[in-house]
Amino acid sequence: MRKARFSKLVVSFIILANCVFTAAALFVFLRTGAEPTALIAAWFAFTTGELAALAGLRHSENKSRTDKEDGA
């Protein structure tokens, strides 16, 4: 149960961080008139990768738990 709570916290933090980053990128665009395209692409690639890794861990844990229950 504790791991599920931690992963929900991580997902919530990543969503919040994406919102803050988007607001900051819009502010930079407003002030300079230049869009930081490479930074935006890198940021969202990083956060998407982190969420995919978390989902993969959860999937493998659930699969191993199911395999243990089937074998027992």
PDB file of N, CA and C in Angstrom:
ATOM      1  N   MET A   1       0.830  -1.202   0.000  1.00  0.00           N
ATOM      2  CA  MET A   1       0.000   0.000   0.000  1.00  0.00           C
ATOM      3  C   MET A   1       0.866   1.255   0.000  1.00  0.00           C
ATOM      4  N   ARG A   2       2.002   1.171   0.661  1.00  0.00           N
ATOM      5  CA  ARG A   2       2.864   2.338   0.773  1.00  0.00           C
ATOM      6  C   ARG A   2       3.466   2.727  -0.584  1.00  0.00           C
ATOM      7  N   LYS A   3       3.812   1.716  -1.407  1.00  0.00           N
ATOM      8  CA  LYS A   3       4.377   1.984  -2.728  1.00  0.00           C
ATOM      9  C   LYS A   3       3.355   2.672  -3.633  1.00  0.00           C
ATOM     10  N   ALA A   4       2.098   2.263  -3.515  1.00  0.00           N
ATOM     11  CA  ALA A   4       1.053   2.875  -4.339  1.00  0.00           C
ATOM     12  C   ALA A   4       0.897   4.348  -3.977  1.00  0.00           C
ATOM     13  N   ARG A   5       1.004   4.656  -2.706  1.00  0.00           N
ATOM     14  CA  ARG A   5       0.893   6.048  -2.278  1.00  0.00           C
ATOM     15  C   ARG A   5       2.066   6.878  -2.777  1.00  0.00           C
ATOM     16  N   PHE A   6       3.256   6.289  -2.743  1.00  0.00           N
ATOM     17  CA  PHE A   6       4.442   6.989  -3.225  1.00  0.00           C
ATOM     18  C   PHE A   6       4.344   7.259  -4.725  1.00  0.00           C
ATOM     19  N   SER A   7       3.893   6.275  -5.498  1.00  0.00           N
ATOM     20  CA  SER A   7       3.792   6.484  -6.941  1.00  0.00           C
ATOM     21  C   SER A   7       2.727   7.533  -7.271  1.00  0.00           C
ATOM     22  N   LYS A   8       1.658   7.577  -6.509  1.00  0.00           N
ATOM     23  CA  LYS A   8       0.643   8.610  -6.728  1.00  0.00           C
ATOM     24  C   LYS A   8       1.214   9.990  -6.411  1.00  0.00           C
ATOM     25  N   LEU A   9       2.052  10.063  -5.403  1.00  0.00           N
ATOM     26  CA  LEU A   9       2.712  11.315  -5.060  1.00  0.00           C
ATOM     27  C   LEU A   9       3.659  11.754  -6.172  1.00  0.00           C
ATOM     28  N   VAL A  10       4.398  10.806  -6.733  1.00  0.00           N
ATOM     29  CA  VAL A  10       5.328  11.116  -7.827  1.00  0.00           C
ATOM     30  C   VAL A  10       4.564  11.606  -9.054  1.00  0.00           C
ATOM     31  N   VAL A  11       3.492  10.937  -9.397  1.00  0.00           N
ATOM     32  CA  VAL A  11       2.689  11.352 -10.555  1.00  0.00           C
ATOM     33  C   VAL A  11       2.107  12.743 -10.318  1.00  0.00           C
ATOM     34  N   SER A  12       1.610  12.999  -9.129  1.00  0.00           N
ATOM     35  CA  SER A  12       1.062  14.327  -8.821  1.00  0.00           C
ATOM     36  C   SER A  12       2.136  15.402  -8.911  1.00  0.00           C
ATOM     37  N   PHE A  13       3.339  15.087  -8.408  1.00  0.00           N
ATOM     38  CA  PHE A  13       4.438  16.040  -8.479  1.00  0.00           C
ATOM     39  C   PHE A  13       4.826  16.332  -9.928  1.00  0.00           C
ATOM     40  N   ILE A  14       4.869  15.308 -10.771  1.00  0.00           N
ATOM     41  CA  ILE A  14       5.252  15.508 -12.169  1.00  0.00           C
ATOM     42  C   ILE A  14       4.204  16.355 -12.882  1.00  0.00           C
ATOM     43  N   ILE A  15       2.939  16.122 -12.604  1.00  0.00           N
ATOM     44  CA  ILE A  15       1.888  16.941 -13.217  1.00  0.00           C
ATOM     45  C   ILE A  15       2.021  18.393 -12.767  1.00  0.00           C
ATOM     46  N   LEU A  16       2.247  18.606 -11.482  1.00  0.00           N
ATOM     47  CA  LEU A  16       2.431  19.960 -10.965  1.00  0.00           C
ATOM     48  C   LEU A  16       3.672  20.615 -11.579  1.00  0.00           C
ATOM     49  N   ALA A  17       4.764  19.867 -11.665  1.00  0.00           N
ATOM     50  CA  ALA A  17       5.992  20.406 -12.254  1.00  0.00           C
ATOM     51  C   ALA A  17       5.786  20.768 -13.720  1.00  0.00           C
ATOM     52  N   ASN A  18       5.029  19.955 -14.453  1.00  0.00           N
ATOM     53  CA  ASN A  18       4.735  20.275 -15.855  1.00  0.00           C
ATOM     54  C   ASN A  18       3.914  21.559 -15.967  1.00  0.00           C
ATOM     55  N   CYS A  19       2.967  21.751 -15.074  1.00  0.00           N
ATOM     56  CA  CYS A  19       2.164  22.982 -15.091  1.00  0.00           C
ATOM     57  C   CYS A  19       3.026  24.206 -14.789  1.00  0.00           C
ATOM     58  N   VAL A  20       3.897  24.089 -13.791  1.00  0.00           N
ATOM     59  CA  VAL A  20       4.786  25.206 -13.449  1.00  0.00           C
ATOM     60  C   VAL A  20       5.742  25.482 -14.595  1.00  0.00           C
ATOM     61  N   PHE A  21       6.291  24.440 -15.192  1.00  0.00           N
ATOM     62  CA  PHE A  21       7.204  24.623 -16.317  1.00  0.00           C
ATOM     63  C   PHE A  21       6.504  25.289 -17.498  1.00  0.00           C
ATOM     64  N   THR A  22       5.276  24.875 -17.771  1.00  0.00           N
ATOM     65  CA  THR A  22       4.518  25.473 -18.876  1.00  0.00           C
ATOM     66  C   THR A  22       4.288  26.958 -18.626  1.00  0.00           C
ATOM     67  N   ALA A  23       3.927  27.305 -17.390  1.00  0.00           N
ATOM     68  CA  ALA A  23       3.719  28.719 -17.054  1.00  0.00           C
ATOM     69  C   ALA A  23       5.024  29.502 -17.208  1.00  0.00           C
ATOM     70  N   ALA A  24       6.135  28.917 -16.777  1.00  0.00           N
ATOM     71  CA  ALA A  24       7.427  29.586 -16.900  1.00  0.00           C
ATOM     72  C   ALA A  24       7.826  29.749 -18.369  1.00  0.00           C
ATOM     73  N   ALA A  25       7.574  28.727 -19.178  1.00  0.00           N
ATOM     74  CA  ALA A  25       7.900  28.816 -20.611  1.00  0.00           C
ATOM     75  C   ALA A  25       7.052  29.886 -21.296  1.00  0.00           C
ATOM     76  N   LEU A  26       5.779  29.979 -20.920  1.00  0.00           N
ATOM     77  CA  LEU A  26       4.922  31.021 -21.481  1.00  0.00           C
ATOM     78  C   LEU A  26       5.397  32.404 -21.050  1.00  0.00           C
ATOM     79  N   PHE A  27       5.852  32.533 -19.810  1.00  0.00           N
ATOM     80  CA  PHE A  27       6.371  33.803 -19.329  1.00  0.00           C
ATOM     81  C   PHE A  27       7.631  34.208 -20.093  1.00  0.00           C
ATOM     82  N   VAL A  28       8.524  33.235 -20.308  1.00  0.00           N
ATOM     83  CA  VAL A  28       9.744  33.513 -21.080  1.00  0.00           C
ATOM     84  C   VAL A  28       9.389  33.929 -22.496  1.00  0.00           C
ATOM     85  N   PHE A  29       8.426  33.246 -23.095  1.00  0.00           N
ATOM     86  CA  PHE A  29       7.994  33.602 -24.446  1.00  0.00           C
ATOM     87  C   PHE A  29       7.404  35.005 -24.479  1.00  0.00           C
ATOM     88  N   LEU A  30       6.636  35.351 -23.469  1.00  0.00           N
ATOM     89  CA  LEU A  30       6.031  36.680 -23.396  1.00  0.00           C
ATOM     90  C   LEU A  30       7.103  37.764 -23.282  1.00  0.00           C
ATOM     91  N   ARG A  31       8.116  37.516 -22.461  1.00  0.00           N
ATOM     92  CA  ARG A  31       9.155  38.531 -22.222  1.00  0.00           C
ATOM     93  C   ARG A  31      10.151  38.653 -23.368  1.00  0.00           C
ATOM     94  N   THR A  32      10.533  37.530 -23.963  1.00  0.00           N
ATOM     95  CA  THR A  32      11.596  37.568 -24.970  1.00  0.00           C
ATOM     96  C   THR A  32      11.083  37.447 -26.393  1.00  0.00           C
ATOM     97  N   GLY A  33       9.940  36.838 -26.566  1.00  0.00           N
ATOM     98  CA  GLY A  33       9.418  36.625 -27.907  1.00  0.00           C
ATOM     99  C   GLY A  33      10.028  35.404 -28.579  1.00  0.00           C
ATOM    100  N   ALA A  34      10.890  34.682 -27.865  1.00  0.00           N
ATOM    101  CA  ALA A  34      11.520  33.484 -28.410  1.00  0.00           C
ATOM    102  C   ALA A  34      11.052  32.270 -27.613  1.00  0.00           C
ATOM    103  N   GLU A  35      10.665  31.251 -28.337  1.00  0.00           N
ATOM    104  CA  GLU A  35      10.193  30.033 -27.691  1.00  0.00           C
ATOM    105  C   GLU A  35      11.378  29.086 -27.458  1.00  0.00           C
ATOM    106  N   PRO A  36      11.577  28.620 -26.221  1.00  0.00           N
ATOM    107  CA  PRO A  36      12.682  27.687 -25.947  1.00  0.00           C
ATOM    108  C   PRO A  36      12.313  26.261 -26.372  1.00  0.00           C
ATOM    109  N   THR A  37      12.292  26.017 -27.670  1.00  0.00           N
ATOM    110  CA  THR A  37      11.787  24.764 -28.227  1.00  0.00           C
ATOM    111  C   THR A  37      12.558  23.549 -27.731  1.00  0.00           C
ATOM    112  N   ALA A  38      13.873  23.597 -27.766  1.00  0.00           N
ATOM    113  CA  ALA A  38      14.670  22.443 -27.353  1.00  0.00           C
ATOM    114  C   ALA A  38      14.470  22.141 -25.868  1.00  0.00           C
ATOM    115  N   LEU A  39      14.399  23.182 -25.065  1.00  0.00           N
ATOM    116  CA  LEU A  39      14.181  22.988 -23.632  1.00  0.00           C
ATOM    117  C   LEU A  39      12.817  22.370 -23.366  1.00  0.00           C
ATOM    118  N   ILE A  40      11.811  22.834 -24.065  1.00  0.00           N
ATOM    119  CA  ILE A  40      10.460  22.298 -23.889  1.00  0.00           C
ATOM    120  C   ILE A  40      10.421  20.827 -24.289  1.00  0.00           C
ATOM    121  N   ALA A  41      11.013  20.495 -25.425  1.00  0.00           N
ATOM    122  CA  ALA A  41      11.032  19.101 -25.885  1.00  0.00           C
ATOM    123  C   ALA A  41      11.781  18.213 -24.900  1.00  0.00           C
ATOM    124  N   ALA A  42      12.908  18.686 -24.400  1.00  0.00           N
ATOM    125  CA  ALA A  42      13.695  17.894 -23.451  1.00  0.00           C
ATOM    126  C   ALA A  42      12.938  17.692 -22.138  1.00  0.00           C
ATOM    127  N   TRP A  43      12.298  18.739 -21.658  1.00  0.00           N
ATOM    128  CA  TRP A  43      11.568  18.641 -20.390  1.00  0.00           C
ATOM    129  C   TRP A  43      10.441  17.621 -20.485  1.00  0.00           C
ATOM    130  N   PHE A  44       9.620  17.722 -21.520  1.00  0.00           N
ATOM    131  CA  PHE A  44       8.492  16.815 -21.621  1.00  0.00           C
ATOM    132  C   PHE A  44       8.932  15.404 -21.969  1.00  0.00           C
ATOM    133  N   ALA A  45      10.043  15.242 -22.676  1.00  0.00           N
ATOM    134  CA  ALA A  45      10.582  13.902 -22.919  1.00  0.00           C
ATOM    135  C   ALA A  45      11.049  13.287 -21.604  1.00  0.00           C
ATOM    136  N   PHE A  46      11.700  14.084 -20.767  1.00  0.00           N
ATOM    137  CA  PHE A  46      12.165  13.600 -19.467  1.00  0.00           C
ATOM    138  C   PHE A  46      11.002  13.179 -18.580  1.00  0.00           C
ATOM    139  N   THR A  47       9.996  14.031 -18.443  1.00  0.00           N
ATOM    140  CA  THR A  47       8.885  13.702 -17.545  1.00  0.00           C
ATOM    141  C   THR A  47       8.069  12.526 -18.088  1.00  0.00           C
ATOM    142  N   THR A  48       7.920  12.437 -19.394  1.00  0.00           N
ATOM    143  CA  THR A  48       7.216  11.298 -19.974  1.00  0.00           C
ATOM    144  C   THR A  48       7.996  10.012 -19.730  1.00  0.00           C
ATOM    145  N   GLY A  49       9.305  10.082 -19.856  1.00  0.00           N
ATOM    146  CA  GLY A  49      10.139   8.917 -19.582  1.00  0.00           C
ATOM    147  C   GLY A  49      10.049   8.467 -18.142  1.00  0.00           C
ATOM    148  N   GLU A  50      10.027   9.421 -17.237  1.00  0.00           N
ATOM    149  CA  GLU A  50       9.896   9.078 -15.817  1.00  0.00           C
ATOM    150  C   GLU A  50       8.554   8.396 -15.535  1.00  0.00           C
ATOM    151  N   LEU A  51       7.489   8.915 -16.128  1.00  0.00           N
ATOM    152  CA  LEU A  51       6.180   8.296 -15.918  1.00  0.00           C
ATOM    153  C   LEU A  51       6.120   6.912 -16.553  1.00  0.00           C
ATOM    154  N   ALA A  52       6.743   6.747 -17.713  1.00  0.00           N
ATOM    155  CA  ALA A  52       6.768   5.433 -18.360  1.00  0.00           C
ATOM    156  C   ALA A  52       7.569   4.435 -17.525  1.00  0.00           C
ATOM    157  N   ALA A  53       8.672   4.869 -16.951  1.00  0.00           N
ATOM    158  CA  ALA A  53       9.470   3.989 -16.093  1.00  0.00           C
ATOM    159  C   ALA A  53       8.681   3.586 -14.854  1.00  0.00           C
ATOM    160  N   LEU A  54       7.973   4.518 -14.264  1.00  0.00           N
ATOM    161  CA  LEU A  54       7.152   4.212 -13.099  1.00  0.00           C
ATOM    162  C   LEU A  54       6.045   3.226 -13.463  1.00  0.00           C
ATOM    163  N   ALA A  55       5.432   3.425 -14.610  1.00  0.00           N
ATOM    164  CA  ALA A  55       4.380   2.509 -15.058  1.00  0.00           C
ATOM    165  C   ALA A  55       4.954   1.118 -15.325  1.00  0.00           C
ATOM    166  N   GLY A  56       6.148   1.056 -15.897  1.00  0.00           N
ATOM    167  CA  GLY A  56       6.781  -0.234 -16.140  1.00  0.00           C
ATOM    168  C   GLY A  56       7.094  -0.965 -14.850  1.00  0.00           C
ATOM    169  N   LEU A  57       7.562  -0.241 -13.846  1.00  0.00           N
ATOM    170  CA  LEU A  57       7.825  -0.858 -12.551  1.00  0.00           C
ATOM    171  C   LEU A  57       6.542  -1.394 -11.927  1.00  0.00           C
ATOM    172  N   ARG A  58       5.508  -0.602 -11.989  1.00  0.00           N
ATOM    173  CA  ARG A  58       4.227  -1.046 -11.419  1.00  0.00           C
ATOM    174  C   ARG A  58       3.708  -2.274 -12.157  1.00  0.00           C
ATOM    175  N   HIS A  59       3.849  -2.280 -13.473  1.00  0.00           N
ATOM    176  CA  HIS A  59       3.374  -3.408 -14.283  1.00  0.00           C
ATOM    177  C   HIS A  59       4.148  -4.680 -13.931  1.00  0.00           C
ATOM    178  N   SER A  60       5.471  -4.569 -13.808  1.00  0.00           N
ATOM    179  CA  SER A  60       6.273  -5.752 -13.498  1.00  0.00           C
ATOM    180  C   SER A  60       5.985  -6.253 -12.081  1.00  0.00           C
ATOM    181  N   GLU A  61       5.747  -5.350 -11.137  1.00  0.00           N
ATOM    182  CA  GLU A  61       5.392  -5.768  -9.783  1.00  0.00           C
ATOM    183  C   GLU A  61       4.066  -6.508  -9.768  1.00  0.00           C
ATOM    184  N   ASN A  62       3.093  -5.984 -10.505  1.00  0.00           N
ATOM    185  CA  ASN A  62       1.789  -6.638 -10.557  1.00  0.00           C
ATOM    186  C   ASN A  62       1.888  -7.996 -11.237  1.00  0.00           C
ATOM    187  N   LYS A  63       2.713  -8.086 -12.283  1.00  0.00           N
ATOM    188  CA  LYS A  63       2.870  -9.340 -13.006  1.00  0.00           C
ATOM    189  C   LYS A  63       3.548 -10.380 -12.127  1.00  0.00           C
ATOM    190  N   SER A  64       4.602  -9.994 -11.411  1.00  0.00           N
ATOM    191  CA  SER A  64       5.294 -10.940 -10.540  1.00  0.00           C
ATOM    192  C   SER A  64       4.398 -11.378  -9.380  1.00  0.00           C
ATOM    193  N   ARG A  65       3.587 -10.472  -8.888  1.00  0.00           N
ATOM    194  CA  ARG A  65       2.664 -10.819  -7.802  1.00  0.00           C
ATOM    195  C   ARG A  65       1.625 -11.824  -8.303  1.00  0.00           C
ATOM    196  N   THR A  66       1.123 -11.625  -9.526  1.00  0.00           N
ATOM    197  CA  THR A  66       0.145 -12.536 -10.105  1.00  0.00           C
ATOM    198  C   THR A  66       0.768 -13.909 -10.358  1.00  0.00           C
ATOM    199  N   ASP A  67       2.026 -13.925 -10.853  1.00  0.00           N
ATOM    200  CA  ASP A  67       2.716 -15.188 -11.088  1.00  0.00           C
ATOM    201  C   ASP A  67       2.920 -15.962  -9.797  1.00  0.00           C
ATOM    202  N   LYS A  68       3.256 -15.260  -8.707  1.00  0.00           N
ATOM    203  CA  LYS A  68       3.435 -15.921  -7.420  1.00  0.00           C
ATOM    204  C   LYS A  68       2.129 -16.502  -6.904  1.00  0.00           C
ATOM    205  N   GLU A  69       1.030 -15.780  -7.100  1.00  0.00           N
ATOM    206  CA  GLU A  69      -0.274 -16.274  -6.646  1.00  0.00           C
ATOM    207  C   GLU A  69      -0.716 -17.485  -7.456  1.00  0.00           C
ATOM    208  N   ASP A  70      -0.397 -17.492  -8.763  1.00  0.00           N
ATOM    209  CA  ASP A  70      -0.764 -18.623  -9.602  1.00  0.00           C
ATOM    210  C   ASP A  70       0.067 -19.853  -9.270  1.00  0.00           C
ATOM    211  N   GLY A  71       1.323 -19.651  -8.905  1.00  0.00           N
ATOM    212  CA  GLY A  71       2.206 -20.767  -8.592  1.00  0.00           C
ATOM    213  C   GLY A  71       2.014 -21.324  -7.199  1.00  0.00           C
ATOM    214  N   ALA A  72       1.455 -20.561  -6.320  1.00  0.00           N
ATOM    215  CA  ALA A  72       1.320 -20.999  -4.924  1.00  0.00           C
ATOM    216  C   ALA A  72       0.111 -21.848  -4.680  1.00  0.00           C
TER     217      ALA A  72
END
